Amino acid sequence: MHAMILAAGRGERMRPLTDHTPKPLLPVGGKPLIVWHLERLAAAGIHQVVINHAWLGEQLPAQLGDGSRYNVRITYSAETPPALETAGGIVQALPFLGQAPFLVINGDIWCDWDPTEAQTRAQELNAAQAEAWLLLVDNPEHHPKGDFVLSAQGRVLSDDTAPAGQAGISGTAGASQRLTFAGIGLYRPSLFAALPAATPAPLAPLLRTAMQRGTVLGTHHRGTWTDVGTPQRLAMLDARLSTT
């Protein structure tokens, strides 16, 4: 399986820290934030990694190299600022990601989710003929309304109304609940087929269209997750990781 780490954002809310350093290279718990992702991927047996970059992007290959020190092989997908946004960046990197479902992780989060689960989720995508799988977490204080609804059948919806003819997924139970997208997902290349190359495009509208087709699966992760979006949250995460 291939993985992609999204690292092209400007990090406006992290200024002035990101005026001279890309957000994924900010240190937390004694190492750059992105290294936590690389180490987890390698431990899970995922060694082919694509990293996109734009703002101060030359610092990423300069610091991470070819990835061999982390037991991964890194391919860089450079974007000319301004960045192509999430979906646009993925489209540009598709030639490096193969034809099978691939894993995408936001470079500005920290999560204890185990990437070894990705293979199982990819099998579920194939069995359900779905286009995407999303990891969802409890809504944090700074995002109390969440993003999407996770149905009792394991489908992710843009609202509480399930698409007509929605089929259930075995092994799930409980009531539907609105949760926050963790910035970790599996996608089929075909999800991006309609997007033109070299064009900025956000991911959320693409996902919402797929949700209307009933082709987005999801899992509620109840472990630890942090959206490292502000200097204050970065400091809190650094303090927590430095004491564990």
C-alpha atoms as a PDB file:
ATOM      1  CA  MET A   1       0.000   0.000   0.000  1.00  0.00           C
ATOM      2  CA  HIS A   2       1.094   3.549  -0.767  1.00  0.00           C
ATOM      3  CA  ALA A   3       0.612   6.464   1.624  1.00  0.00           C
ATOM      4  CA  MET A   4       0.584  10.207   1.098  1.00  0.00           C
ATOM      5  CA  ILE A   5       1.305  12.835   3.737  1.00  0.00           C
ATOM      6  CA  LEU A   6      -0.164  16.258   3.013  1.00  0.00           C
ATOM      7  CA  ALA A   7       2.454  18.883   3.790  1.00  0.00           C
ATOM      8  CA  ALA A   8       1.809  21.769   1.386  1.00  0.00           C
ATOM      9  CA  GLY A   9      -0.223  24.127   3.561  1.00  0.00           C
ATOM     10  CA  ARG A  10       0.922  27.612   4.539  1.00  0.00           C
ATOM     11  CA  GLY A  11      -0.050  27.214   8.206  1.00  0.00           C
ATOM     12  CA  GLU A  12      -1.446  30.720   8.645  1.00  0.00           C
ATOM     13  CA  ARG A  13      -2.836  30.029  12.134  1.00  0.00           C
ATOM     14  CA  MET A  14       0.600  28.808  13.252  1.00  0.00           C
ATOM     15  CA  ARG A  15       2.382  32.065  12.425  1.00  0.00           C
ATOM     16  CA  PRO A  16       4.950  33.243  13.327  1.00  0.00           C
ATOM     17  CA  LEU A  17       6.237  29.667  13.790  1.00  0.00           C
ATOM     18  CA  THR A  18       5.539  28.850  10.140  1.00  0.00           C
ATOM     19  CA  ASP A  19       7.087  32.003   8.735  1.00  0.00           C
ATOM     20  CA  HIS A  20      10.395  30.141   8.462  1.00  0.00           C
ATOM     21  CA  THR A  21       9.454  26.468   8.965  1.00  0.00           C
ATOM     22  CA  PRO A  22       6.801  24.332   7.228  1.00  0.00           C
ATOM     23  CA  LYS A  23       4.223  23.221   9.771  1.00  0.00           C
ATOM     24  CA  PRO A  24       4.973  19.467   9.414  1.00  0.00           C
ATOM     25  CA  LEU A  25       8.602  20.139  10.378  1.00  0.00           C
ATOM     26  CA  LEU A  26       7.748  21.898  13.639  1.00  0.00           C
ATOM     27  CA  PRO A  27       9.177  19.892  16.533  1.00  0.00           C
ATOM     28  CA  VAL A  28       6.868  18.086  18.933  1.00  0.00           C
ATOM     29  CA  GLY A  29       7.897  15.502  21.492  1.00  0.00           C
ATOM     30  CA  GLY A  30      11.535  15.768  20.422  1.00  0.00           C
ATOM     31  CA  LYS A  31      11.128  15.320  16.640  1.00  0.00           C
ATOM     32  CA  PRO A  32       9.378  16.947  13.667  1.00  0.00           C
ATOM     33  CA  LEU A  33       5.640  16.339  13.551  1.00  0.00           C
ATOM     34  CA  ILE A  34       5.883  14.591  10.179  1.00  0.00           C
ATOM     35  CA  VAL A  35       8.435  12.105  11.516  1.00  0.00           C
ATOM     36  CA  TRP A  36       5.795  10.687  13.851  1.00  0.00           C
ATOM     37  CA  HIS A  37       3.781   9.799  10.737  1.00  0.00           C
ATOM     38  CA  LEU A  38       6.750   8.309   8.912  1.00  0.00           C
ATOM     39  CA  GLU A  39       7.689   6.126  11.858  1.00  0.00           C
ATOM     40  CA  ARG A  40       4.122   4.858  12.310  1.00  0.00           C
ATOM     41  CA  LEU A  41       3.832   4.061   8.613  1.00  0.00           C
ATOM     42  CA  ALA A  42       7.115   2.158   8.592  1.00  0.00           C
ATOM     43  CA  ALA A  43       6.118   0.195  11.706  1.00  0.00           C
ATOM     44  CA  ALA A  44       2.887  -0.767   9.929  1.00  0.00           C
ATOM     45  CA  GLY A  45       4.762  -2.057   6.895  1.00  0.00           C
ATOM     46  CA  ILE A  46       3.844   0.893   4.660  1.00  0.00           C
ATOM     47  CA  HIS A  47       7.118   1.960   3.098  1.00  0.00           C
ATOM     48  CA  GLN A  48       6.128   3.823  -0.092  1.00  0.00           C
ATOM     49  CA  VAL A  49       5.306   7.408   0.932  1.00  0.00           C
ATOM     50  CA  VAL A  50       4.503  10.476  -1.136  1.00  0.00           C
ATOM     51  CA  ILE A  51       4.863  13.927   0.450  1.00  0.00           C
ATOM     52  CA  ASN A  52       3.537  17.025  -1.290  1.00  0.00           C
ATOM     53  CA  HIS A  53       4.959  20.429  -0.477  1.00  0.00           C
ATOM     54  CA  ALA A  54       4.660  24.079  -1.450  1.00  0.00           C
ATOM     55  CA  TRP A  55       5.339  26.710   1.235  1.00  0.00           C
ATOM     56  CA  LEU A  56       9.049  26.501   2.144  1.00  0.00           C
ATOM     57  CA  GLY A  57       8.807  23.088   0.537  1.00  0.00           C
ATOM     58  CA  GLU A  58      12.520  22.714  -0.160  1.00  0.00           C
ATOM     59  CA  GLN A  59      13.046  22.217   3.577  1.00  0.00           C
ATOM     60  CA  LEU A  60      11.196  18.882   3.556  1.00  0.00           C
ATOM     61  CA  PRO A  61      13.524  16.941   1.228  1.00  0.00           C
ATOM     62  CA  ALA A  62      16.493  18.757   2.746  1.00  0.00           C
ATOM     63  CA  GLN A  63      15.601  17.453   6.209  1.00  0.00           C
ATOM     64  CA  LEU A  64      13.909  14.112   5.453  1.00  0.00           C
ATOM     65  CA  GLY A  65      16.002  13.024   2.480  1.00  0.00           C
ATOM     66  CA  ASP A  66      14.870   9.881   0.685  1.00  0.00           C
ATOM     67  CA  GLY A  67      13.295   8.546   3.876  1.00  0.00           C
ATOM     68  CA  SER A  68      15.765   5.690   4.353  1.00  0.00           C
ATOM     69  CA  ARG A  69      16.613   6.761   7.889  1.00  0.00           C
ATOM     70  CA  TYR A  70      12.939   6.171   8.734  1.00  0.00           C
ATOM     71  CA  ASN A  71      12.734   2.890   6.791  1.00  0.00           C
ATOM     72  CA  VAL A  72      10.504   4.381   4.092  1.00  0.00           C
ATOM     73  CA  ARG A  73      11.012   5.546   0.521  1.00  0.00           C
ATOM     74  CA  ILE A  74       9.821   9.114   0.016  1.00  0.00           C
ATOM     75  CA  THR A  75       8.680  10.548  -3.304  1.00  0.00           C
ATOM     76  CA  TYR A  76       8.133  14.307  -3.277  1.00  0.00           C
ATOM     77  CA  SER A  77       5.315  16.018  -5.172  1.00  0.00           C
ATOM     78  CA  ALA A  78       6.282  19.676  -5.411  1.00  0.00           C
ATOM     79  CA  GLU A  79       3.549  22.268  -5.897  1.00  0.00           C
ATOM     80  CA  THR A  80       4.262  25.791  -7.050  1.00  0.00           C
ATOM     81  CA  PRO A  81       2.773  28.176  -4.469  1.00  0.00           C
ATOM     82  CA  PRO A  82      -0.035  28.673  -3.920  1.00  0.00           C
ATOM     83  CA  ALA A  83      -0.673  25.043  -3.042  1.00  0.00           C
ATOM     84  CA  LEU A  84      -3.256  22.987  -4.913  1.00  0.00           C
ATOM     85  CA  GLU A  85      -5.374  22.315  -1.795  1.00  0.00           C
ATOM     86  CA  THR A  86      -6.067  18.781  -0.635  1.00  0.00           C
ATOM     87  CA  ALA A  87      -7.814  17.184  -3.607  1.00  0.00           C
ATOM     88  CA  GLY A  88      -5.720  19.090  -6.144  1.00  0.00           C
ATOM     89  CA  GLY A  89      -2.545  17.961  -4.418  1.00  0.00           C
ATOM     90  CA  ILE A  90      -3.705  14.352  -4.437  1.00  0.00           C
ATOM     91  CA  VAL A  91      -4.526  14.559  -8.152  1.00  0.00           C
ATOM     92  CA  GLN A  92      -1.006  15.760  -8.906  1.00  0.00           C
ATOM     93  CA  ALA A  93       0.457  12.890  -6.865  1.00  0.00           C
ATOM     94  CA  LEU A  94      -1.738  10.145  -8.379  1.00  0.00           C
ATOM     95  CA  PRO A  95       1.007   8.888 -10.734  1.00  0.00           C
ATOM     96  CA  PHE A  96       3.036   7.958  -7.637  1.00  0.00           C
ATOM     97  CA  LEU A  97       0.187   6.302  -5.715  1.00  0.00           C
ATOM     98  CA  GLY A  98      -0.718   3.296  -7.849  1.00  0.00           C
ATOM     99  CA  GLN A  99      -4.110   1.911  -8.820  1.00  0.00           C
ATOM    100  CA  ALA A 100      -5.192   0.441  -5.470  1.00  0.00           C
ATOM    101  CA  PRO A 101      -6.745   2.363  -2.564  1.00  0.00           C
ATOM    102  CA  PHE A 102      -4.097   4.517  -0.886  1.00  0.00           C
ATOM    103  CA  LEU A 103      -3.783   6.092   2.539  1.00  0.00           C
ATOM    104  CA  VAL A 104      -3.679   9.881   2.999  1.00  0.00           C
ATOM    105  CA  ILE A 105      -2.693  11.581   6.267  1.00  0.00           C
ATOM    106  CA  ASN A 106      -2.750  15.290   7.040  1.00  0.00           C
ATOM    107  CA  GLY A 107       0.738  16.384   7.984  1.00  0.00           C
ATOM    108  CA  ASP A 108      -0.540  18.743  10.694  1.00  0.00           C
ATOM    109  CA  ILE A 109      -2.243  16.218  12.983  1.00  0.00           C
ATOM    110  CA  TRP A 110      -1.069  13.771  15.627  1.00  0.00           C
ATOM    111  CA  CYS A 111      -3.010  10.555  16.154  1.00  0.00           C
ATOM    112  CA  ASP A 112      -2.381   7.210  17.828  1.00  0.00           C
ATOM    113  CA  TRP A 113      -4.395   5.334  15.173  1.00  0.00           C
ATOM    114  CA  ASP A 114      -2.497   2.265  13.976  1.00  0.00           C
ATOM    115  CA  PRO A 115      -1.891   2.329  10.185  1.00  0.00           C
ATOM    116  CA  THR A 116      -1.798  -1.486  10.117  1.00  0.00           C
ATOM    117  CA  GLU A 117      -5.604  -1.134  10.075  1.00  0.00           C
ATOM    118  CA  ALA A 118      -5.398   0.409   6.603  1.00  0.00           C
ATOM    119  CA  GLN A 119      -5.169  -2.953   4.839  1.00  0.00           C
ATOM    120  CA  THR A 120      -8.380  -4.150   6.480  1.00  0.00           C
ATOM    121  CA  ARG A 121     -10.153  -0.921   5.573  1.00  0.00           C
ATOM    122  CA  ALA A 122      -8.972  -1.242   1.980  1.00  0.00           C
ATOM    123  CA  GLN A 123     -10.506  -4.711   1.854  1.00  0.00           C
ATOM    124  CA  GLU A 124     -13.775  -3.239   3.137  1.00  0.00           C
ATOM    125  CA  LEU A 125     -13.665  -0.614   0.384  1.00  0.00           C
ATOM    126  CA  ASN A 126     -13.287  -3.329  -2.221  1.00  0.00           C
ATOM    127  CA  ALA A 127     -16.036  -5.500  -0.736  1.00  0.00           C
ATOM    128  CA  ALA A 128     -18.485  -2.576  -0.529  1.00  0.00           C
ATOM    129  CA  GLN A 129     -17.418  -1.062  -3.872  1.00  0.00           C
ATOM    130  CA  ALA A 130     -16.935   2.184  -1.953  1.00  0.00           C
ATOM    131  CA  GLU A 131     -14.761   5.135  -2.962  1.00  0.00           C
ATOM    132  CA  ALA A 132     -13.417   6.340   0.378  1.00  0.00           C
ATOM    133  CA  TRP A 133     -12.964   5.443   4.025  1.00  0.00           C
ATOM    134  CA  LEU A 134     -12.569   8.152   6.683  1.00  0.00           C
ATOM    135  CA  LEU A 135     -11.269   8.045  10.238  1.00  0.00           C
ATOM    136  CA  LEU A 136     -13.561  10.118  12.469  1.00  0.00           C
ATOM    137  CA  VAL A 137     -12.985  11.352  16.015  1.00  0.00           C
ATOM    138  CA  ASP A 138     -14.970  13.016  18.781  1.00  0.00           C
ATOM    139  CA  ASN A 139     -15.553  16.711  18.142  1.00  0.00           C
ATOM    140  CA  PRO A 140     -12.854  18.851  19.792  1.00  0.00           C
ATOM    141  CA  GLU A 141     -13.655  22.039  21.661  1.00  0.00           C
ATOM    142  CA  HIS A 142     -12.571  24.209  18.728  1.00  0.00           C
ATOM    143  CA  HIS A 143     -14.851  22.303  16.312  1.00  0.00           C
ATOM    144  CA  PRO A 144     -17.944  21.343  18.348  1.00  0.00           C
ATOM    145  CA  LYS A 145     -20.346  20.777  15.422  1.00  0.00           C
ATOM    146  CA  GLY A 146     -18.135  18.211  13.697  1.00  0.00           C
ATOM    147  CA  ASP A 147     -17.962  17.498   9.972  1.00  0.00           C
ATOM    148  CA  PHE A 148     -19.943  14.420   8.992  1.00  0.00           C
ATOM    149  CA  VAL A 149     -22.429  11.887  10.308  1.00  0.00           C
ATOM    150  CA  LEU A 150     -21.337   8.295  10.861  1.00  0.00           C
ATOM    151  CA  SER A 151     -24.347   6.032  10.474  1.00  0.00           C
ATOM    152  CA  ALA A 152     -24.973   2.909  12.510  1.00  0.00           C
ATOM    153  CA  GLN A 153     -24.193   0.959   9.340  1.00  0.00           C
ATOM    154  CA  GLY A 154     -20.696   2.434   8.991  1.00  0.00           C
ATOM    155  CA  ARG A 155     -21.465   4.881   6.170  1.00  0.00           C
ATOM    156  CA  VAL A 156     -20.370   8.506   6.352  1.00  0.00           C
ATOM    157  CA  LEU A 157     -23.053  11.036   5.429  1.00  0.00           C
ATOM    158  CA  SER A 158     -23.043  14.777   4.935  1.00  0.00           C
ATOM    159  CA  ASP A 159     -26.220  15.022   7.026  1.00  0.00           C
ATOM    160  CA  ASP A 160     -28.607  12.749   8.913  1.00  0.00           C
ATOM    161  CA  THR A 161     -30.419  11.585   5.783  1.00  0.00           C
ATOM    162  CA  ALA A 162     -29.006   8.377   4.325  1.00  0.00           C
ATOM    163  CA  PRO A 163     -28.862   8.039   0.539  1.00  0.00           C
ATOM    164  CA  ALA A 164     -31.626   5.987  -0.984  1.00  0.00           C
ATOM    165  CA  GLY A 165     -30.834   2.297  -1.177  1.00  0.00           C
ATOM    166  CA  GLN A 166     -27.919   2.521   1.249  1.00  0.00           C
ATOM    167  CA  ALA A 167     -26.551  -0.910   2.137  1.00  0.00           C
ATOM    168  CA  GLY A 168     -25.352  -1.672   5.640  1.00  0.00           C
ATOM    169  CA  ILE A 169     -21.841  -2.700   6.609  1.00  0.00           C
ATOM    170  CA  SER A 170     -21.494  -5.705   8.894  1.00  0.00           C
ATOM    171  CA  GLY A 171     -19.868  -5.397  12.283  1.00  0.00           C
ATOM    172  CA  THR A 172     -21.174  -1.946  13.178  1.00  0.00           C
ATOM    173  CA  ALA A 173     -23.811  -0.989  15.691  1.00  0.00           C
ATOM    174  CA  GLY A 174     -25.206   1.982  17.586  1.00  0.00           C
ATOM    175  CA  ALA A 175     -26.875   5.250  16.699  1.00  0.00           C
ATOM    176  CA  SER A 176     -25.725   7.706  14.031  1.00  0.00           C
ATOM    177  CA  GLN A 177     -23.483  10.450  15.377  1.00  0.00           C
ATOM    178  CA  ARG A 178     -21.865  13.640  14.077  1.00  0.00           C
ATOM    179  CA  LEU A 179     -18.087  13.467  14.315  1.00  0.00           C
ATOM    180  CA  THR A 180     -14.970  15.274  13.107  1.00  0.00           C
ATOM    181  CA  PHE A 181     -12.847  14.075  10.202  1.00  0.00           C
ATOM    182  CA  ALA A 182      -9.430  13.190  11.594  1.00  0.00           C
ATOM    183  CA  GLY A 183      -7.501  13.986   8.417  1.00  0.00           C
ATOM    184  CA  ILE A 184      -6.797  10.285   7.812  1.00  0.00           C
ATOM    185  CA  GLY A 185      -8.495   8.467   4.945  1.00  0.00           C
ATOM    186  CA  LEU A 186      -8.276   5.811   2.271  1.00  0.00           C
ATOM    187  CA  TYR A 187      -9.248   6.710  -1.290  1.00  0.00           C
ATOM    188  CA  ARG A 188      -9.641   5.032  -4.624  1.00  0.00           C
ATOM    189  CA  PRO A 189      -7.903   6.856  -7.488  1.00  0.00           C
ATOM    190  CA  SER A 190     -11.246   6.894  -9.306  1.00  0.00           C
ATOM    191  CA  LEU A 191     -12.624   9.315  -6.689  1.00  0.00           C
ATOM    192  CA  PHE A 192     -10.499  12.044  -8.302  1.00  0.00           C
ATOM    193  CA  ALA A 193     -11.136  11.120 -11.951  1.00  0.00           C
ATOM    194  CA  ALA A 194     -13.261  14.181 -12.719  1.00  0.00           C
ATOM    195  CA  LEU A 195     -10.785  16.731 -11.375  1.00  0.00           C
ATOM    196  CA  PRO A 196      -8.496  18.512 -13.845  1.00  0.00           C
ATOM    197  CA  ALA A 197      -4.769  18.404 -13.230  1.00  0.00           C
ATOM    198  CA  ALA A 198      -2.843  21.382 -11.847  1.00  0.00           C
ATOM    199  CA  THR A 199      -6.021  22.985 -10.483  1.00  0.00           C
ATOM    200  CA  PRO A 200      -6.589  23.845  -6.801  1.00  0.00           C
ATOM    201  CA  ALA A 201      -9.469  21.796  -5.408  1.00  0.00           C
ATOM    202  CA  PRO A 202     -10.663  21.093  -1.848  1.00  0.00           C
ATOM    203  CA  LEU A 203     -11.466  17.563  -0.736  1.00  0.00           C
ATOM    204  CA  ALA A 204     -14.710  18.138   1.195  1.00  0.00           C
ATOM    205  CA  PRO A 205     -17.004  18.802  -1.831  1.00  0.00           C
ATOM    206  CA  LEU A 206     -15.683  15.677  -3.526  1.00  0.00           C
ATOM    207  CA  LEU A 207     -16.393  13.616  -0.427  1.00  0.00           C
ATOM    208  CA  ARG A 208     -19.871  15.074   0.025  1.00  0.00           C
ATOM    209  CA  THR A 209     -20.763  14.121  -3.545  1.00  0.00           C
ATOM    210  CA  ALA A 210     -19.543  10.581  -2.895  1.00  0.00           C
ATOM    211  CA  MET A 211     -21.552  10.508   0.346  1.00  0.00           C
ATOM    212  CA  GLN A 212     -24.695  11.245  -1.622  1.00  0.00           C
ATOM    213  CA  ARG A 213     -23.905   8.110  -3.620  1.00  0.00           C
ATOM    214  CA  GLY A 214     -23.469   6.164  -0.375  1.00  0.00           C
ATOM    215  CA  THR A 215     -19.876   5.254  -1.214  1.00  0.00           C
ATOM    216  CA  VAL A 216     -17.984   6.612   1.804  1.00  0.00           C
ATOM    217  CA  LEU A 217     -17.260   4.346   4.769  1.00  0.00           C
ATOM    218  CA  GLY A 218     -16.028   5.444   8.178  1.00  0.00           C
ATOM    219  CA  THR A 219     -14.755   4.372  11.566  1.00  0.00           C
ATOM    220  CA  HIS A 220     -14.996   6.161  14.909  1.00  0.00           C
ATOM    221  CA  HIS A 221     -11.545   6.344  16.500  1.00  0.00           C
ATOM    222  CA  ARG A 222     -11.751   6.761  20.268  1.00  0.00           C
ATOM    223  CA  GLY A 223      -8.042   7.166  20.886  1.00  0.00           C
ATOM    224  CA  THR A 224      -5.872  10.270  21.011  1.00  0.00           C
ATOM    225  CA  TRP A 225      -5.997  12.851  18.221  1.00  0.00           C
ATOM    226  CA  THR A 226      -4.806  16.441  17.967  1.00  0.00           C
ATOM    227  CA  ASP A 227      -5.330  18.967  15.205  1.00  0.00           C
ATOM    228  CA  VAL A 228      -2.043  20.847  15.565  1.00  0.00           C
ATOM    229  CA  GLY A 229      -3.536  24.038  14.189  1.00  0.00           C
ATOM    230  CA  THR A 230      -2.307  26.710  16.594  1.00  0.00           C
ATOM    231  CA  PRO A 231       0.876  27.400  18.578  1.00  0.00           C
ATOM    232  CA  GLN A 232      -1.081  26.714  21.753  1.00  0.00           C
ATOM    233  CA  ARG A 233      -2.178  23.235  20.642  1.00  0.00           C
ATOM    234  CA  LEU A 234       1.351  22.521  19.437  1.00  0.00           C
ATOM    235  CA  ALA A 235       2.712  23.423  22.858  1.00  0.00           C
ATOM    236  CA  MET A 236       0.120  21.270  24.633  1.00  0.00           C
ATOM    237  CA  LEU A 237       0.930  18.279  22.424  1.00  0.00           C
ATOM    238  CA  ASP A 238       4.658  18.802  22.907  1.00  0.00           C
ATOM    239  CA  ALA A 239       4.220  18.854  26.673  1.00  0.00           C
ATOM    240  CA  ARG A 240       2.154  15.662  26.619  1.00  0.00           C
ATOM    241  CA  LEU A 241       4.509  13.731  24.354  1.00  0.00           C
ATOM    242  CA  SER A 242       7.571  14.920  26.246  1.00  0.00           C
ATOM    243  CA  THR A 243       6.283  13.346  29.454  1.00  0.00           C
ATOM    244  CA  THR A 244       5.277   9.956  28.020  1.00  0.00           C
END
